[in-house]
Amino acid sequence: MLDESVMTMDSDVRAQIVKYIIGSEVPRSEYASEGMTYKLEHFSIPFGYPQVFTERAKYAILHLTESAEMEGVNKNLLKDVIKYRKFINDDDWGLFRGKIGPIRYQRLIKSISSLNMGLVDAKVSIDLKRILRLPSSLHSMVSMKCMEVDNPENFDPFRDAVPRFVYERK
């Protein structure tokens, strides 16, 4: 489905939307609301962008394996994250942060934001020239079809977006 209001947005607004959806920007440590300033210690507050980021960070931490490679996260930090992630499962970010240390925690959070950004092709989502492709046109490098996706949950690009001729090549 096409949203007319999004069609008129420039690349900067699209970039902000992508960062919000995937949780690639670490929330600010302070925010203001109704004349009050609040300091965020662990980002786990129940509203707004910090909640989106918290959900993405929690998912990443709970699914890390010892073979994971993340920029800024060495093997010792990774082992500690895996060892103490039970606190994240219980939403006790304070104990988790205390166990791995505040500096290592910041390193981990920054690394998760970078990891999240790698989950999408941001250039395609942001650049207006790349978005405005005709349905059924082919990507020049990978021969995948440009197509409208009605249900992202059931969409498999390797099944649905690869033209038949690609499989027929010998």
N, C-alpha and C. Protein backbone atom coordinates (compact mmCIF):
# COMPACT_ATOMS: atom_id res chain seq x y z
N MET A 1 0.84 -1.16 0.00
CA MET A 1 0.00 0.00 0.00
C MET A 1 0.89 1.24 0.00
N LEU A 2 0.52 2.24 -0.76
CA LEU A 2 1.29 3.47 -0.85
C LEU A 2 0.68 4.53 0.05
N ASP A 3 1.52 5.20 0.82
CA ASP A 3 1.06 6.28 1.69
C ASP A 3 1.46 7.59 1.04
N GLU A 4 0.48 8.36 0.61
CA GLU A 4 0.73 9.61 -0.11
C GLU A 4 1.59 10.58 0.69
N SER A 5 1.44 10.62 2.03
CA SER A 5 2.23 11.56 2.83
C SER A 5 3.71 11.20 2.82
N VAL A 6 4.03 9.93 2.71
CA VAL A 6 5.43 9.51 2.67
C VAL A 6 6.04 9.82 1.31
N MET A 7 5.25 9.77 0.27
CA MET A 7 5.76 9.99 -1.09
C MET A 7 6.37 11.38 -1.26
N THR A 8 5.94 12.35 -0.47
CA THR A 8 6.44 13.72 -0.62
C THR A 8 7.59 14.04 0.33
N MET A 9 7.98 13.11 1.18
CA MET A 9 9.05 13.36 2.15
C MET A 9 10.42 13.32 1.49
N ASP A 10 11.32 14.16 2.02
CA ASP A 10 12.68 14.16 1.47
C ASP A 10 13.53 13.07 2.14
N SER A 11 14.75 12.92 1.68
CA SER A 11 15.63 11.85 2.15
C SER A 11 15.95 11.95 3.63
N ASP A 12 16.06 13.17 4.17
CA ASP A 12 16.37 13.32 5.60
C ASP A 12 15.25 12.76 6.47
N VAL A 13 14.01 13.03 6.11
CA VAL A 13 12.88 12.51 6.87
C VAL A 13 12.82 11.00 6.74
N ARG A 14 13.05 10.49 5.54
CA ARG A 14 13.05 9.04 5.33
C ARG A 14 14.14 8.38 6.17
N ALA A 15 15.30 9.02 6.27
CA ALA A 15 16.41 8.48 7.07
C ALA A 15 16.01 8.40 8.54
N GLN A 16 15.33 9.41 9.03
CA GLN A 16 14.86 9.40 10.42
C GLN A 16 13.86 8.28 10.65
N ILE A 17 12.98 8.06 9.70
CA ILE A 17 11.99 6.99 9.83
C ILE A 17 12.69 5.63 9.87
N VAL A 18 13.66 5.42 8.98
CA VAL A 18 14.39 4.15 8.97
C VAL A 18 15.10 3.94 10.30
N LYS A 19 15.79 4.96 10.80
CA LYS A 19 16.51 4.85 12.08
C LYS A 19 15.54 4.52 13.22
N TYR A 20 14.37 5.12 13.20
CA TYR A 20 13.38 4.87 14.24
C TYR A 20 12.89 3.43 14.21
N ILE A 21 12.51 2.98 13.02
CA ILE A 21 11.91 1.65 12.88
C ILE A 21 12.88 0.54 13.27
N ILE A 22 14.14 0.67 12.85
CA ILE A 22 15.08 -0.41 13.12
C ILE A 22 15.85 -0.24 14.42
N GLY A 23 15.69 0.92 15.09
CA GLY A 23 16.38 1.13 16.35
C GLY A 23 17.88 1.26 16.18
N SER A 24 18.29 2.12 15.24
CA SER A 24 19.72 2.24 14.97
C SER A 24 20.34 3.48 15.59
N GLU A 25 19.56 4.25 16.30
CA GLU A 25 20.10 5.45 16.92
C GLU A 25 19.88 5.35 18.43
N VAL A 26 20.98 5.41 19.18
CA VAL A 26 20.89 5.32 20.63
C VAL A 26 20.12 6.51 21.15
N PRO A 27 19.10 6.30 21.99
CA PRO A 27 18.33 7.42 22.52
C PRO A 27 19.22 8.38 23.29
N ARG A 28 18.85 9.65 23.26
CA ARG A 28 19.59 10.65 24.02
C ARG A 28 19.50 10.31 25.50
N SER A 29 20.50 10.73 26.25
CA SER A 29 20.50 10.42 27.68
C SER A 29 19.55 11.31 28.46
N GLU A 30 19.08 12.40 27.83
CA GLU A 30 18.11 13.26 28.49
C GLU A 30 17.03 13.63 27.48
N TYR A 31 15.85 13.85 27.97
CA TYR A 31 14.79 14.35 27.10
C TYR A 31 13.90 15.24 27.94
N ALA A 32 13.17 16.12 27.29
CA ALA A 32 12.31 17.05 27.99
C ALA A 32 10.86 16.76 27.64
N SER A 33 9.99 16.89 28.63
CA SER A 33 8.57 16.70 28.42
C SER A 33 7.81 17.55 29.42
N GLU A 34 6.90 18.36 28.92
CA GLU A 34 6.07 19.22 29.75
C GLU A 34 6.90 20.02 30.74
N GLY A 35 7.99 20.63 30.24
CA GLY A 35 8.80 21.50 31.08
C GLY A 35 9.75 20.79 32.03
N MET A 36 9.73 19.46 32.07
CA MET A 36 10.60 18.69 32.96
C MET A 36 11.69 18.02 32.12
N THR A 37 12.87 17.86 32.70
CA THR A 37 13.95 17.15 32.03
C THR A 37 14.16 15.83 32.74
N TYR A 38 14.20 14.75 31.97
CA TYR A 38 14.37 13.41 32.51
C TYR A 38 15.69 12.83 32.03
N LYS A 39 16.40 12.14 32.89
CA LYS A 39 17.64 11.47 32.52
C LYS A 39 17.35 9.98 32.36
N LEU A 40 17.78 9.42 31.24
CA LEU A 40 17.55 8.02 30.97
C LEU A 40 18.80 7.22 31.36
N GLU A 41 18.64 6.28 32.23
CA GLU A 41 19.77 5.45 32.63
C GLU A 41 19.92 4.23 31.75
N HIS A 42 18.84 3.56 31.46
CA HIS A 42 18.93 2.28 30.77
C HIS A 42 18.00 2.19 29.57
N PHE A 43 17.38 3.28 29.20
CA PHE A 43 16.50 3.37 28.03
C PHE A 43 15.21 2.59 28.15
N SER A 44 14.96 1.93 29.27
CA SER A 44 13.76 1.11 29.36
C SER A 44 12.62 1.90 29.99
N ILE A 45 12.08 2.83 29.25
CA ILE A 45 10.91 3.55 29.70
C ILE A 45 9.77 3.20 28.75
N PRO A 46 8.55 3.24 29.21
CA PRO A 46 7.46 2.61 28.45
C PRO A 46 6.82 3.44 27.34
N PHE A 47 7.54 4.37 26.71
CA PHE A 47 6.90 5.12 25.63
C PHE A 47 7.94 5.71 24.69
N GLY A 48 7.49 6.02 23.48
CA GLY A 48 8.32 6.71 22.51
C GLY A 48 9.50 5.92 21.99
N TYR A 49 10.42 6.63 21.37
CA TYR A 49 11.56 5.98 20.74
C TYR A 49 12.40 5.15 21.70
N PRO A 50 12.66 5.60 22.92
CA PRO A 50 13.44 4.72 23.81
C PRO A 50 12.84 3.32 23.95
N GLN A 51 11.52 3.20 23.88
CA GLN A 51 10.90 1.88 23.96
C GLN A 51 11.23 1.06 22.71
N VAL A 52 11.19 1.69 21.54
CA VAL A 52 11.53 1.00 20.30
C VAL A 52 12.97 0.51 20.36
N PHE A 53 13.88 1.40 20.78
CA PHE A 53 15.28 1.01 20.86
C PHE A 53 15.48 -0.10 21.89
N THR A 54 14.81 0.02 23.03
CA THR A 54 14.93 -0.99 24.08
C THR A 54 14.49 -2.37 23.56
N GLU A 55 13.39 -2.41 22.82
CA GLU A 55 12.91 -3.69 22.28
C GLU A 55 13.92 -4.28 21.30
N ARG A 56 14.51 -3.42 20.45
CA ARG A 56 15.49 -3.90 19.47
C ARG A 56 16.77 -4.38 20.17
N ALA A 57 17.21 -3.62 21.18
CA ALA A 57 18.42 -3.99 21.92
C ALA A 57 18.19 -5.28 22.70
N LYS A 58 17.03 -5.41 23.31
CA LYS A 58 16.72 -6.63 24.07
C LYS A 58 16.73 -7.84 23.14
N TYR A 59 16.11 -7.71 21.99
CA TYR A 59 16.08 -8.82 21.03
C TYR A 59 17.51 -9.21 20.63
N ALA A 60 18.34 -8.21 20.32
CA ALA A 60 19.72 -8.49 19.90
C ALA A 60 20.49 -9.19 21.00
N ILE A 61 20.38 -8.70 22.23
CA ILE A 61 21.12 -9.28 23.35
C ILE A 61 20.67 -10.71 23.61
N LEU A 62 19.38 -10.95 23.57
CA LEU A 62 18.86 -12.29 23.85
C LEU A 62 19.19 -13.30 22.75
N HIS A 63 19.55 -12.83 21.57
CA HIS A 63 19.84 -13.73 20.46
C HIS A 63 21.32 -13.78 20.08
N LEU A 64 22.17 -13.14 20.85
CA LEU A 64 23.61 -13.20 20.57
C LEU A 64 24.15 -14.59 20.83
N THR A 65 25.13 -14.97 20.05
CA THR A 65 25.84 -16.23 20.28
C THR A 65 27.30 -15.90 20.51
N GLU A 66 28.04 -16.86 21.04
CA GLU A 66 29.45 -16.62 21.32
C GLU A 66 30.27 -16.41 20.05
N SER A 67 29.74 -16.80 18.92
CA SER A 67 30.47 -16.61 17.66
C SER A 67 30.13 -15.28 16.99
N ALA A 68 29.27 -14.49 17.62
CA ALA A 68 28.88 -13.19 17.04
C ALA A 68 30.08 -12.26 16.97
N GLU A 69 30.11 -11.47 15.91
CA GLU A 69 31.15 -10.46 15.76
C GLU A 69 30.48 -9.11 15.67
N MET A 70 30.80 -8.26 16.63
CA MET A 70 30.21 -6.92 16.67
C MET A 70 31.33 -5.92 16.88
N GLU A 71 31.26 -4.84 16.13
CA GLU A 71 32.27 -3.81 16.24
C GLU A 71 32.27 -3.23 17.66
N GLY A 72 33.43 -3.18 18.29
CA GLY A 72 33.56 -2.62 19.62
C GLY A 72 33.27 -3.60 20.75
N VAL A 73 32.89 -4.83 20.41
CA VAL A 73 32.56 -5.83 21.43
C VAL A 73 33.57 -6.97 21.31
N ASN A 74 34.45 -7.08 22.31
CA ASN A 74 35.43 -8.16 22.28
C ASN A 74 34.82 -9.44 22.86
N LYS A 75 35.56 -10.52 22.79
CA LYS A 75 35.05 -11.84 23.22
C LYS A 75 34.71 -11.86 24.71
N ASN A 76 35.50 -11.16 25.55
CA ASN A 76 35.21 -11.13 26.99
C ASN A 76 33.89 -10.42 27.27
N LEU A 77 33.67 -9.30 26.61
CA LEU A 77 32.40 -8.59 26.80
C LEU A 77 31.25 -9.45 26.29
N LEU A 78 31.42 -10.09 25.16
CA LEU A 78 30.38 -10.95 24.61
C LEU A 78 30.03 -12.07 25.58
N LYS A 79 31.04 -12.69 26.18
CA LYS A 79 30.79 -13.76 27.16
C LYS A 79 30.02 -13.23 28.36
N ASP A 80 30.37 -12.03 28.83
CA ASP A 80 29.66 -11.44 29.97
C ASP A 80 28.22 -11.08 29.61
N VAL A 81 28.02 -10.57 28.41
CA VAL A 81 26.66 -10.24 27.95
C VAL A 81 25.80 -11.50 27.95
N ILE A 82 26.34 -12.58 27.41
CA ILE A 82 25.60 -13.85 27.37
C ILE A 82 25.37 -14.38 28.79
N LYS A 83 26.36 -14.24 29.64
CA LYS A 83 26.26 -14.74 31.01
C LYS A 83 25.18 -14.00 31.81
N TYR A 84 25.08 -12.68 31.60
CA TYR A 84 24.16 -11.86 32.42
C TYR A 84 22.89 -11.43 31.69
N ARG A 85 22.64 -11.94 30.50
CA ARG A 85 21.46 -11.50 29.78
C ARG A 85 20.15 -11.96 30.41
N LYS A 86 20.22 -12.86 31.37
CA LYS A 86 19.00 -13.26 32.09
C LYS A 86 18.34 -12.04 32.73
N PHE A 87 19.15 -11.03 33.10
CA PHE A 87 18.59 -9.81 33.68
C PHE A 87 17.80 -9.03 32.63
N ILE A 88 18.27 -9.05 31.39
CA ILE A 88 17.55 -8.39 30.29
C ILE A 88 16.24 -9.09 30.03
N ASN A 89 16.25 -10.40 30.11
CA ASN A 89 15.03 -11.17 29.90
C ASN A 89 13.96 -10.76 30.91
N ASP A 90 14.39 -10.37 32.12
CA ASP A 90 13.47 -9.92 33.16
C ASP A 90 13.30 -8.40 33.17
N ASP A 91 13.82 -7.73 32.12
CA ASP A 91 13.78 -6.27 32.00
C ASP A 91 14.47 -5.56 33.16
N ASP A 92 15.49 -6.17 33.72
CA ASP A 92 16.25 -5.53 34.79
C ASP A 92 17.56 -5.00 34.20
N TRP A 93 17.44 -3.92 33.44
CA TRP A 93 18.57 -3.33 32.74
C TRP A 93 19.63 -2.80 33.71
N GLY A 94 19.19 -2.33 34.86
CA GLY A 94 20.13 -1.79 35.85
C GLY A 94 21.10 -2.84 36.35
N LEU A 95 20.59 -4.02 36.70
CA LEU A 95 21.48 -5.10 37.15
C LEU A 95 22.39 -5.56 36.01
N PHE A 96 21.83 -5.66 34.81
CA PHE A 96 22.64 -6.05 33.66
C PHE A 96 23.78 -5.07 33.45
N ARG A 97 23.46 -3.79 33.45
CA ARG A 97 24.48 -2.74 33.28
C ARG A 97 25.52 -2.80 34.39
N GLY A 98 25.07 -3.04 35.61
CA GLY A 98 25.99 -3.14 36.73
C GLY A 98 26.93 -4.32 36.62
N LYS A 99 26.44 -5.44 36.11
CA LYS A 99 27.26 -6.65 35.98
C LYS A 99 28.33 -6.51 34.90
N ILE A 100 27.99 -5.87 33.78
CA ILE A 100 28.99 -5.77 32.72
C ILE A 100 29.80 -4.47 32.80
N GLY A 101 29.32 -3.50 33.58
CA GLY A 101 30.03 -2.23 33.74
C GLY A 101 29.50 -1.15 32.81
N PRO A 102 29.46 0.10 33.29
CA PRO A 102 28.84 1.18 32.51
C PRO A 102 29.55 1.50 31.19
N ILE A 103 30.86 1.43 31.17
CA ILE A 103 31.59 1.74 29.93
C ILE A 103 31.40 0.63 28.91
N ARG A 104 31.45 -0.61 29.36
CA ARG A 104 31.23 -1.75 28.46
C ARG A 104 29.78 -1.77 27.99
N TYR A 105 28.86 -1.36 28.87
CA TYR A 105 27.44 -1.28 28.50
C TYR A 105 27.25 -0.28 27.36
N GLN A 106 27.88 0.89 27.48
CA GLN A 106 27.77 1.90 26.42
C GLN A 106 28.34 1.37 25.10
N ARG A 107 29.46 0.67 25.18
CA ARG A 107 30.06 0.08 23.99
C ARG A 107 29.10 -0.92 23.34
N LEU A 108 28.47 -1.75 24.17
CA LEU A 108 27.51 -2.74 23.68
C LEU A 108 26.32 -2.06 23.00
N ILE A 109 25.76 -1.06 23.65
CA ILE A 109 24.59 -0.37 23.11
C ILE A 109 24.92 0.30 21.79
N LYS A 110 26.09 0.93 21.70
CA LYS A 110 26.51 1.57 20.45
C LYS A 110 26.68 0.52 19.35
N SER A 111 27.24 -0.61 19.71
CA SER A 111 27.43 -1.69 18.74
C SER A 111 26.09 -2.24 18.26
N ILE A 112 25.12 -2.35 19.15
CA ILE A 112 23.79 -2.83 18.77
C ILE A 112 23.13 -1.86 17.80
N SER A 113 23.32 -0.56 18.02
CA SER A 113 22.74 0.42 17.09
C SER A 113 23.35 0.26 15.70
N SER A 114 24.66 -0.01 15.62
CA SER A 114 25.30 -0.25 14.32
C SER A 114 24.79 -1.54 13.70
N LEU A 115 24.65 -2.56 14.53
CA LEU A 115 24.13 -3.84 14.06
C LEU A 115 22.72 -3.67 13.48
N ASN A 116 21.88 -2.92 14.17
CA ASN A 116 20.51 -2.68 13.70
C ASN A 116 20.50 -1.97 12.35
N MET A 117 21.41 -1.03 12.15
CA MET A 117 21.44 -0.30 10.90
C MET A 117 21.79 -1.23 9.74
N GLY A 118 22.53 -2.28 10.01
CA GLY A 118 22.89 -3.23 8.98
C GLY A 118 21.77 -4.17 8.58
N LEU A 119 20.64 -4.10 9.27
CA LEU A 119 19.53 -5.00 8.98
C LEU A 119 18.72 -4.61 7.74
N VAL A 120 18.88 -3.37 7.30
CA VAL A 120 18.13 -2.91 6.13
C VAL A 120 19.09 -2.27 5.14
N ASP A 121 18.65 -2.16 3.92
CA ASP A 121 19.41 -1.42 2.93
C ASP A 121 18.90 0.01 3.00
N ALA A 122 19.52 0.79 3.88
CA ALA A 122 19.05 2.14 4.16
C ALA A 122 19.09 3.02 2.91
N LYS A 123 20.07 2.83 2.05
CA LYS A 123 20.16 3.66 0.85
C LYS A 123 18.91 3.52 -0.01
N VAL A 124 18.41 2.31 -0.12
CA VAL A 124 17.21 2.08 -0.92
C VAL A 124 15.99 2.71 -0.24
N SER A 125 15.93 2.64 1.08
CA SER A 125 14.78 3.19 1.81
C SER A 125 14.78 4.71 1.83
N ILE A 126 15.94 5.32 1.72
CA ILE A 126 16.07 6.77 1.87
C ILE A 126 16.09 7.49 0.52
N ASP A 127 16.80 6.95 -0.44
CA ASP A 127 17.02 7.62 -1.72
C ASP A 127 15.77 7.57 -2.58
N LEU A 128 15.26 8.73 -2.94
CA LEU A 128 14.04 8.80 -3.74
C LEU A 128 14.21 8.18 -5.11
N LYS A 129 15.40 8.26 -5.68
CA LYS A 129 15.62 7.69 -7.02
C LYS A 129 15.55 6.18 -6.99
N ARG A 130 15.95 5.58 -5.89
CA ARG A 130 15.94 4.12 -5.81
C ARG A 130 14.55 3.59 -5.48
N ILE A 131 13.76 4.40 -4.82
CA ILE A 131 12.42 3.96 -4.45
C ILE A 131 11.48 4.02 -5.65
N LEU A 132 11.68 5.00 -6.50
CA LEU A 132 10.77 5.20 -7.62
C LEU A 132 11.15 4.31 -8.80
N ARG A 133 10.96 3.04 -8.64
CA ARG A 133 11.20 2.08 -9.71
C ARG A 133 9.85 1.56 -10.18
N LEU A 134 9.78 1.24 -11.43
CA LEU A 134 8.54 0.71 -11.97
C LEU A 134 8.34 -0.73 -11.50
N PRO A 135 7.11 -1.07 -11.11
CA PRO A 135 6.83 -2.46 -10.75
C PRO A 135 7.21 -3.38 -11.90
N SER A 136 7.79 -4.50 -11.56
CA SER A 136 8.27 -5.53 -12.50
C SER A 136 9.58 -5.17 -13.18
N SER A 137 10.14 -3.98 -12.92
CA SER A 137 11.46 -3.69 -13.48
C SER A 137 12.48 -4.50 -12.70
N LEU A 138 13.67 -4.71 -13.30
CA LEU A 138 14.68 -5.54 -12.69
C LEU A 138 15.83 -4.71 -12.13
N HIS A 139 16.34 -5.15 -10.99
CA HIS A 139 17.55 -4.55 -10.43
C HIS A 139 18.70 -4.96 -11.35
N SER A 140 19.50 -4.00 -11.76
CA SER A 140 20.51 -4.28 -12.78
C SER A 140 21.63 -5.19 -12.31
N MET A 141 21.86 -5.31 -11.01
CA MET A 141 22.98 -6.13 -10.55
C MET A 141 22.56 -7.53 -10.09
N VAL A 142 21.36 -7.67 -9.55
CA VAL A 142 20.96 -8.97 -9.01
C VAL A 142 19.76 -9.58 -9.71
N SER A 143 19.20 -8.90 -10.69
CA SER A 143 18.07 -9.40 -11.50
C SER A 143 16.84 -9.73 -10.65
N MET A 144 16.63 -9.02 -9.57
CA MET A 144 15.41 -9.23 -8.78
C MET A 144 14.38 -8.20 -9.22
N LYS A 145 13.11 -8.61 -9.18
CA LYS A 145 12.01 -7.74 -9.61
C LYS A 145 11.69 -6.71 -8.54
N CYS A 146 11.41 -5.50 -8.99
CA CYS A 146 10.85 -4.48 -8.12
C CYS A 146 9.37 -4.82 -8.00
N MET A 147 8.89 -4.92 -6.79
CA MET A 147 7.49 -5.28 -6.63
C MET A 147 6.92 -4.71 -5.34
N GLU A 148 5.63 -4.52 -5.35
CA GLU A 148 4.93 -4.07 -4.16
C GLU A 148 4.69 -5.28 -3.27
N VAL A 149 4.98 -5.13 -1.99
CA VAL A 149 4.83 -6.23 -1.04
C VAL A 149 3.62 -5.93 -0.17
N ASP A 150 2.59 -6.76 -0.31
CA ASP A 150 1.37 -6.57 0.47
C ASP A 150 1.50 -7.11 1.88
N ASN A 151 2.18 -8.23 2.03
CA ASN A 151 2.30 -8.86 3.34
C ASN A 151 3.77 -9.21 3.60
N PRO A 152 4.51 -8.35 4.31
CA PRO A 152 5.94 -8.60 4.55
C PRO A 152 6.21 -9.90 5.30
N GLU A 153 5.26 -10.36 6.10
CA GLU A 153 5.46 -11.59 6.87
C GLU A 153 5.56 -12.82 5.96
N ASN A 154 4.84 -12.79 4.85
CA ASN A 154 4.82 -13.94 3.95
C ASN A 154 5.72 -13.76 2.73
N PHE A 155 6.38 -12.63 2.64
CA PHE A 155 7.19 -12.32 1.46
C PHE A 155 8.57 -12.97 1.59
N ASP A 156 8.95 -13.73 0.60
CA ASP A 156 10.28 -14.32 0.52
C ASP A 156 10.90 -13.82 -0.78
N PRO A 157 11.87 -12.91 -0.70
CA PRO A 157 12.42 -12.32 -1.93
C PRO A 157 13.03 -13.36 -2.86
N PHE A 158 13.57 -14.44 -2.32
CA PHE A 158 14.18 -15.46 -3.17
C PHE A 158 13.15 -16.33 -3.87
N ARG A 159 11.94 -16.30 -3.39
CA ARG A 159 10.85 -17.04 -4.04
C ARG A 159 10.01 -16.09 -4.90
N ASP A 160 9.70 -14.91 -4.35
CA ASP A 160 8.72 -14.02 -4.98
C ASP A 160 9.31 -12.98 -5.93
N ALA A 161 10.57 -12.58 -5.72
CA ALA A 161 11.12 -11.48 -6.51
C ALA A 161 12.15 -11.91 -7.55
N VAL A 162 12.40 -13.19 -7.66
CA VAL A 162 13.36 -13.67 -8.65
C VAL A 162 12.59 -14.09 -9.90
N PRO A 163 12.89 -13.47 -11.04
CA PRO A 163 12.18 -13.84 -12.26
C PRO A 163 12.52 -15.28 -12.68
N ARG A 164 11.60 -15.90 -13.36
CA ARG A 164 11.74 -17.29 -13.78
C ARG A 164 13.00 -17.53 -14.61
N PHE A 165 13.36 -16.54 -15.47
CA PHE A 165 14.52 -16.75 -16.35
C PHE A 165 15.82 -16.94 -15.59
N VAL A 166 15.90 -16.41 -14.37
CA VAL A 166 17.11 -16.56 -13.58
C VAL A 166 17.33 -18.04 -13.23
N TYR A 167 16.26 -18.73 -12.92
CA TYR A 167 16.36 -20.16 -12.60
C TYR A 167 16.55 -21.03 -13.85
N GLU A 168 16.15 -20.48 -15.00
CA GLU A 168 16.26 -21.24 -16.24
C GLU A 168 17.64 -21.17 -16.87
N ARG A 169 18.47 -20.22 -16.39
CA ARG A 169 19.83 -20.10 -16.93
C ARG A 169 20.65 -21.33 -16.59
N LYS A 170 21.54 -21.72 -17.46
CA LYS A 170 22.38 -22.89 -17.19
C LYS A 170 23.81 -22.50 -17.10
